[in-house]
Amino acid sequence: MVQQGIKVDELEASHFVLVHGGGFGAWCWYKTVALLEEAGFTVDAVNLTGSGPGLSDSNNIYSLAQYVKPLTDVIDKLGQENKVILVGHDLGGACISYAMEQYPLKISKAVFVAATMPFNGQSALDLLSQTTDSENLMQKAYIFLYADGKENPATSIDLDKDISRELLFNRSSTRDKALAAVSMRSIPFGPAVEKLTLSEENYGSITRLYIKTLEDHAIPASQQEAMVQSNPPQQVFQIKGSDHAPFFSKPQALHRILVQISQIR
C-alpha cells in the first residue's frame, strides 16, 4: 500500500463489510480479510443468520430482516461520522441492497460481486431464476427442504455437493473446495423470494459498483451483464479466470479491485 501511495486514513471510507452469498458464511472471505487487513483496512466479515457456526436453523428464517440482522447490527454500531463499503456476493447482493435502503447515510459504496443486484420490487430468486446456459445444472443442484410440511412453501434450499463443486468452484483449489464442502449450510428460502422495496432517495443515492466473474457457472457472465444492463451501476469491473467464488479462485485480483474502489470518491 505504501508503494502504491495510498493512505488508508485519508480515504472517504476504509472499513469494508463483507457479506457472503447463499449457503456460504464469513469463512469464505478469509483470504480477502487477510489481504485487506494487511493493507491497513478495517474489515468485518459477517455471518448472516443461520450461516457459519451459529446454531440458528435456516428453516426458521422467513424474512430478509431476520436474515440480515448480523449485518444491520454491525452498521448500527458505527459512529455517527463513520461510513462503510459494503461488499455482497451472490444472494448477499440482495442483503446489501436491503441495508442500503435502511442506512443510506452510513454506506459510502456498495460492491456487488457476482451478486444479485435487484431493483425495486424484485427478489433475489427473480434474478437467479433468469438462468441461461447453466439452467439445467443450477436446477439439478437445488434440493428444496420443507420443514413446515410439503403442503407449505419450502423453508430452505440445500445444494448438491457434487454438482456445486462444478457450479460454484470450477476454478478454485482442492483445499478451498474441501473447506466449502464442510462449511456450507442450507439457504433460507424466505429471504431469497422476498421482494425488496428500494427507493431512489435511499438505495439510489449510494454509489454502486459491480464485479463480474467471467468463468462463473452459477451466475454466468451473460446473466451478470443482463443485471448490469437492467439496473446500471456507476462502474463495472471484471475478473478473468474467476469462477463464482473469486475470493477463492482469484483473491489477489479481487483485492486489487476492492482497493481501487476504496479510492473512488
Protein backbone atom coordinates (compact mmCIF):
# COMPACT_ATOMS: atom_id res chain seq x y z
CA MET A 1 0.00 0.00 0.00
CA VAL A 2 2.88 2.37 0.77
CA GLN A 3 4.41 1.58 -2.62
CA GLN A 4 1.06 2.35 -4.27
CA GLY A 5 0.95 5.72 -2.50
CA ILE A 6 -2.38 5.01 -0.81
CA LYS A 7 -3.04 6.45 2.64
CA VAL A 8 -5.90 4.47 4.12
CA ASP A 9 -6.68 7.06 6.79
CA GLU A 10 -7.33 9.68 4.09
CA LEU A 11 -9.95 7.64 2.23
CA GLU A 12 -13.64 8.51 2.44
CA ALA A 13 -14.19 5.01 3.89
CA SER A 14 -11.59 2.43 4.90
CA HIS A 15 -13.95 -0.03 6.60
CA PHE A 16 -15.12 -2.96 4.49
CA VAL A 17 -18.12 -5.08 5.50
CA LEU A 18 -18.15 -8.38 3.59
CA VAL A 19 -21.47 -10.18 3.10
CA HIS A 20 -21.45 -13.78 1.92
CA GLY A 21 -23.82 -15.46 -0.50
CA GLY A 22 -26.42 -18.17 -0.06
CA GLY A 23 -25.06 -21.21 1.78
CA PHE A 24 -21.71 -19.55 2.46
CA GLY A 25 -20.51 -17.88 5.66
CA ALA A 26 -17.94 -15.36 6.82
CA TRP A 27 -15.34 -18.15 6.43
CA CYS A 28 -15.39 -17.80 2.64
CA TRP A 29 -13.72 -14.36 2.84
CA TYR A 30 -10.65 -15.50 4.76
CA LYS A 31 -8.18 -14.56 2.00
CA THR A 32 -9.86 -11.21 1.34
CA VAL A 33 -9.95 -10.36 5.04
CA ALA A 34 -6.23 -11.11 5.38
CA LEU A 35 -5.25 -9.07 2.31
CA LEU A 36 -7.37 -6.04 3.26
CA GLU A 37 -6.20 -6.03 6.89
CA GLU A 38 -2.57 -6.34 5.80
CA ALA A 39 -3.18 -3.26 3.63
CA GLY A 40 -4.44 -1.29 6.64
CA PHE A 41 -8.21 -1.52 6.18
CA THR A 42 -10.76 -2.34 8.86
CA VAL A 43 -12.76 -5.43 7.87
CA ASP A 44 -15.88 -7.13 9.17
CA ALA A 45 -16.98 -10.40 7.56
CA VAL A 46 -20.46 -11.16 8.86
CA ASN A 47 -22.25 -14.46 9.32
CA LEU A 48 -25.85 -13.87 8.30
CA THR A 49 -28.48 -15.56 10.49
CA GLY A 50 -28.39 -19.32 10.00
CA SER A 51 -24.93 -19.21 8.41
CA GLY A 52 -21.47 -20.09 9.64
CA PRO A 53 -21.01 -21.82 13.01
CA GLY A 54 -24.16 -20.39 14.62
CA LEU A 55 -26.98 -22.57 15.94
CA SER A 56 -29.83 -20.82 14.08
CA ASP A 57 -31.92 -23.14 11.93
CA SER A 58 -32.17 -21.96 8.32
CA ASN A 59 -35.69 -23.38 8.18
CA ASN A 60 -36.85 -20.80 10.76
CA ILE A 61 -35.68 -17.71 8.87
CA TYR A 62 -38.61 -16.27 6.94
CA SER A 63 -37.63 -12.67 6.14
CA LEU A 64 -34.72 -10.57 4.96
CA ALA A 65 -34.91 -8.57 8.20
CA GLN A 66 -34.19 -11.78 10.16
CA TYR A 67 -31.52 -12.95 7.76
CA VAL A 68 -29.53 -9.70 7.63
CA LYS A 69 -29.73 -8.80 11.32
CA PRO A 70 -26.00 -9.52 11.92
CA LEU A 71 -25.23 -7.07 9.09
CA THR A 72 -27.55 -4.36 10.39
CA ASP A 73 -26.10 -4.88 13.88
CA VAL A 74 -22.63 -4.01 12.51
CA ILE A 75 -23.96 -0.87 10.80
CA ASP A 76 -25.96 0.16 13.89
CA LYS A 77 -22.76 0.20 15.95
CA LEU A 78 -20.96 2.61 13.63
CA GLY A 79 -20.10 6.05 14.91
CA GLN A 80 -22.11 8.96 13.56
CA GLU A 81 -19.43 10.04 11.10
CA ASN A 82 -18.29 6.55 10.11
CA LYS A 83 -19.13 5.05 6.74
CA VAL A 84 -18.51 1.58 5.35
CA ILE A 85 -18.02 -0.04 1.97
CA LEU A 86 -20.48 -2.91 1.67
CA VAL A 87 -19.44 -5.91 -0.42
CA GLY A 88 -22.07 -8.53 -1.26
CA HIS A 89 -21.59 -11.85 -3.05
CA ASP A 90 -24.36 -13.91 -4.69
CA LEU A 91 -27.51 -13.66 -2.51
CA GLY A 92 -25.53 -11.16 -0.43
CA GLY A 93 -26.30 -8.63 -3.17
CA ALA A 94 -29.95 -8.59 -2.09
CA CYS A 95 -28.82 -8.34 1.53
CA ILE A 96 -26.66 -5.27 0.98
CA SER A 97 -29.46 -3.74 -1.11
CA TYR A 98 -31.75 -4.10 1.90
CA ALA A 99 -29.13 -2.39 4.09
CA MET A 100 -28.63 0.39 1.53
CA GLU A 101 -32.31 1.26 1.78
CA GLN A 102 -32.18 1.30 5.58
CA TYR A 103 -28.84 3.09 6.11
CA PRO A 104 -28.11 5.41 3.16
CA LEU A 105 -26.01 7.80 5.28
CA LYS A 106 -23.79 5.05 6.71
CA ILE A 107 -22.74 3.48 3.41
CA SER A 108 -20.07 5.00 1.20
CA LYS A 109 -20.25 2.49 -1.64
CA ALA A 110 -21.89 -0.86 -2.38
CA VAL A 111 -19.98 -3.51 -4.31
CA PHE A 112 -21.80 -6.43 -5.94
CA VAL A 113 -19.52 -9.42 -6.58
CA ALA A 114 -21.13 -11.94 -8.94
CA ALA A 115 -24.21 -10.93 -6.99
CA THR A 116 -27.93 -10.46 -7.33
CA MET A 117 -28.49 -6.75 -7.90
CA PRO A 118 -32.25 -6.20 -7.63
CA PHE A 119 -34.23 -3.09 -8.34
CA ASN A 120 -37.45 -2.10 -6.61
CA GLY A 121 -39.98 -4.94 -6.44
CA GLN A 122 -37.54 -7.73 -7.31
CA SER A 123 -36.35 -10.65 -5.20
CA ALA A 124 -33.03 -12.46 -5.37
CA LEU A 125 -34.77 -15.55 -6.77
CA ASP A 126 -36.38 -13.42 -9.51
CA LEU A 127 -32.85 -12.70 -10.73
CA LEU A 128 -31.37 -16.15 -10.11
CA SER A 129 -34.22 -17.84 -11.98
CA GLN A 130 -33.26 -15.94 -15.13
CA THR A 131 -30.59 -18.52 -15.89
CA THR A 132 -29.13 -19.03 -19.32
CA ASP A 133 -26.56 -21.68 -20.21
CA SER A 134 -26.31 -23.03 -16.64
CA GLU A 135 -30.06 -23.57 -16.25
CA ASN A 136 -30.05 -27.35 -16.11
CA LEU A 137 -27.06 -27.57 -13.77
CA MET A 138 -28.48 -24.95 -11.40
CA GLN A 139 -31.86 -26.66 -11.23
CA LYS A 140 -30.24 -30.03 -10.58
CA ALA A 141 -28.19 -28.57 -7.72
CA TYR A 142 -31.20 -27.30 -5.74
CA ILE A 143 -32.61 -29.55 -3.03
CA PHE A 144 -35.73 -27.94 -1.53
CA LEU A 145 -36.47 -28.62 2.13
CA TYR A 146 -39.98 -28.43 3.63
CA ALA A 147 -39.67 -28.20 7.41
CA ASP A 148 -43.28 -26.92 7.65
CA GLY A 149 -44.65 -29.78 5.57
CA LYS A 150 -44.94 -30.35 1.81
CA GLU A 151 -48.30 -28.55 1.75
CA ASN A 152 -46.49 -25.30 2.67
CA PRO A 153 -43.78 -23.35 0.82
CA ALA A 154 -40.18 -24.56 1.01
CA THR A 155 -38.29 -23.37 4.08
CA SER A 156 -34.71 -23.73 2.83
CA ILE A 157 -32.55 -24.93 -0.03
CA ASP A 158 -29.58 -27.28 0.06
CA LEU A 159 -27.06 -27.52 -2.77
CA ASP A 160 -25.99 -30.92 -4.04
CA LYS A 161 -22.32 -31.15 -3.02
CA ASP A 162 -21.12 -32.94 -6.14
CA ILE A 163 -22.87 -30.59 -8.55
CA SER A 164 -21.93 -27.48 -6.59
CA ARG A 165 -18.23 -28.26 -6.97
CA GLU A 166 -18.60 -27.61 -10.70
CA LEU A 167 -21.30 -24.98 -10.35
CA LEU A 168 -19.55 -22.76 -7.79
CA PHE A 169 -15.88 -23.75 -7.64
CA ASN A 170 -14.81 -24.78 -11.16
CA ARG A 171 -11.62 -22.67 -10.88
CA SER A 172 -10.98 -23.00 -7.13
CA SER A 173 -8.34 -25.12 -5.42
CA THR A 174 -8.99 -28.56 -3.95
CA ARG A 175 -8.39 -27.14 -0.46
CA ASP A 176 -10.97 -24.40 -0.87
CA LYS A 177 -13.48 -26.87 -2.28
CA ALA A 178 -12.92 -29.05 0.79
CA LEU A 179 -13.42 -26.03 3.09
CA ALA A 180 -16.70 -25.24 1.36
CA ALA A 181 -17.86 -28.86 1.49
CA VAL A 182 -17.62 -28.98 5.29
CA SER A 183 -18.76 -25.38 5.93
CA MET A 184 -21.71 -24.61 3.67
CA ARG A 185 -25.20 -24.59 5.17
CA SER A 186 -28.77 -24.50 3.88
CA ILE A 187 -30.04 -21.30 2.27
CA PRO A 188 -33.17 -19.81 3.91
CA PHE A 189 -35.95 -19.76 1.31
CA GLY A 190 -37.98 -16.80 2.61
CA PRO A 191 -35.25 -14.16 2.20
CA ALA A 192 -34.50 -15.41 -1.32
CA VAL A 193 -38.07 -14.85 -2.50
CA GLU A 194 -38.80 -11.62 -0.60
CA LYS A 195 -39.31 -8.71 -2.97
CA LEU A 196 -37.33 -5.65 -1.94
CA THR A 197 -38.65 -2.12 -1.55
CA LEU A 198 -35.88 0.16 -2.82
CA SER A 199 -36.17 3.91 -3.30
CA GLU A 200 -34.16 6.41 -5.33
CA GLU A 201 -33.80 8.59 -2.22
CA ASN A 202 -32.05 5.87 -0.18
CA TYR A 203 -30.83 2.90 -2.22
CA GLY A 204 -30.42 5.08 -5.29
CA SER A 205 -28.27 7.66 -3.52
CA ILE A 206 -25.37 5.22 -2.92
CA THR A 207 -22.61 4.55 -5.45
CA ARG A 208 -23.00 1.01 -6.78
CA LEU A 209 -20.22 -0.97 -8.44
CA TYR A 210 -20.37 -4.43 -9.97
CA ILE A 211 -17.59 -7.05 -10.26
CA LYS A 212 -18.22 -9.67 -12.96
CA THR A 213 -16.70 -13.15 -12.72
CA LEU A 214 -16.05 -14.33 -16.26
CA GLU A 215 -15.74 -18.12 -15.75
CA ASP A 216 -18.77 -18.31 -13.46
CA HIS A 217 -21.00 -21.36 -13.95
CA ALA A 218 -23.56 -20.42 -11.28
CA ILE A 219 -24.39 -16.89 -12.47
CA PRO A 220 -22.80 -16.78 -15.93
CA ALA A 221 -21.17 -13.59 -17.17
CA SER A 222 -24.06 -13.12 -19.63
CA GLN A 223 -26.56 -13.19 -16.77
CA GLN A 224 -24.46 -10.78 -14.72
CA GLU A 225 -24.34 -8.45 -17.72
CA ALA A 226 -28.14 -8.62 -18.00
CA MET A 227 -28.43 -7.43 -14.38
CA VAL A 228 -25.95 -4.64 -15.06
CA GLN A 229 -27.91 -3.52 -18.13
CA SER A 230 -31.29 -3.58 -16.37
CA ASN A 231 -30.06 -1.79 -13.24
CA PRO A 232 -26.89 0.07 -14.25
CA PRO A 233 -24.25 0.67 -11.56
CA GLN A 234 -21.79 3.55 -11.71
CA GLN A 235 -18.91 1.29 -12.75
CA VAL A 236 -18.30 -2.33 -13.76
CA PHE A 237 -15.13 -4.36 -13.18
CA GLN A 238 -14.39 -7.91 -14.26
CA ILE A 239 -12.13 -10.73 -13.12
CA LYS A 240 -10.83 -13.02 -15.84
CA GLY A 241 -10.46 -16.68 -14.93
CA SER A 242 -12.71 -16.41 -11.88
CA ASP A 243 -15.42 -18.89 -11.00
CA HIS A 244 -18.40 -17.96 -8.82
CA ALA A 245 -16.06 -17.67 -5.80
CA PRO A 246 -13.39 -15.08 -6.69
CA PHE A 247 -12.37 -14.88 -3.02
CA PHE A 248 -11.08 -18.44 -3.57
CA SER A 249 -10.04 -18.58 -7.23
CA LYS A 250 -8.75 -15.02 -7.79
CA PRO A 251 -8.20 -13.41 -4.36
CA GLN A 252 -5.42 -11.05 -5.47
CA ALA A 253 -7.44 -9.74 -8.41
CA LEU A 254 -10.49 -9.23 -6.19
CA HIS A 255 -8.32 -7.45 -3.63
CA ARG A 256 -6.83 -5.08 -6.20
CA ILE A 257 -10.31 -4.09 -7.40
CA LEU A 258 -11.59 -3.52 -3.86
CA VAL A 259 -8.60 -1.29 -3.09
CA GLN A 260 -9.22 0.61 -6.34
CA ILE A 261 -12.89 1.02 -5.40
CA SER A 262 -11.94 2.40 -1.97
CA GLN A 263 -10.21 5.33 -3.73
CA ILE A 264 -13.25 6.32 -5.81
CA ARG A 265 -14.88 9.44 -4.44
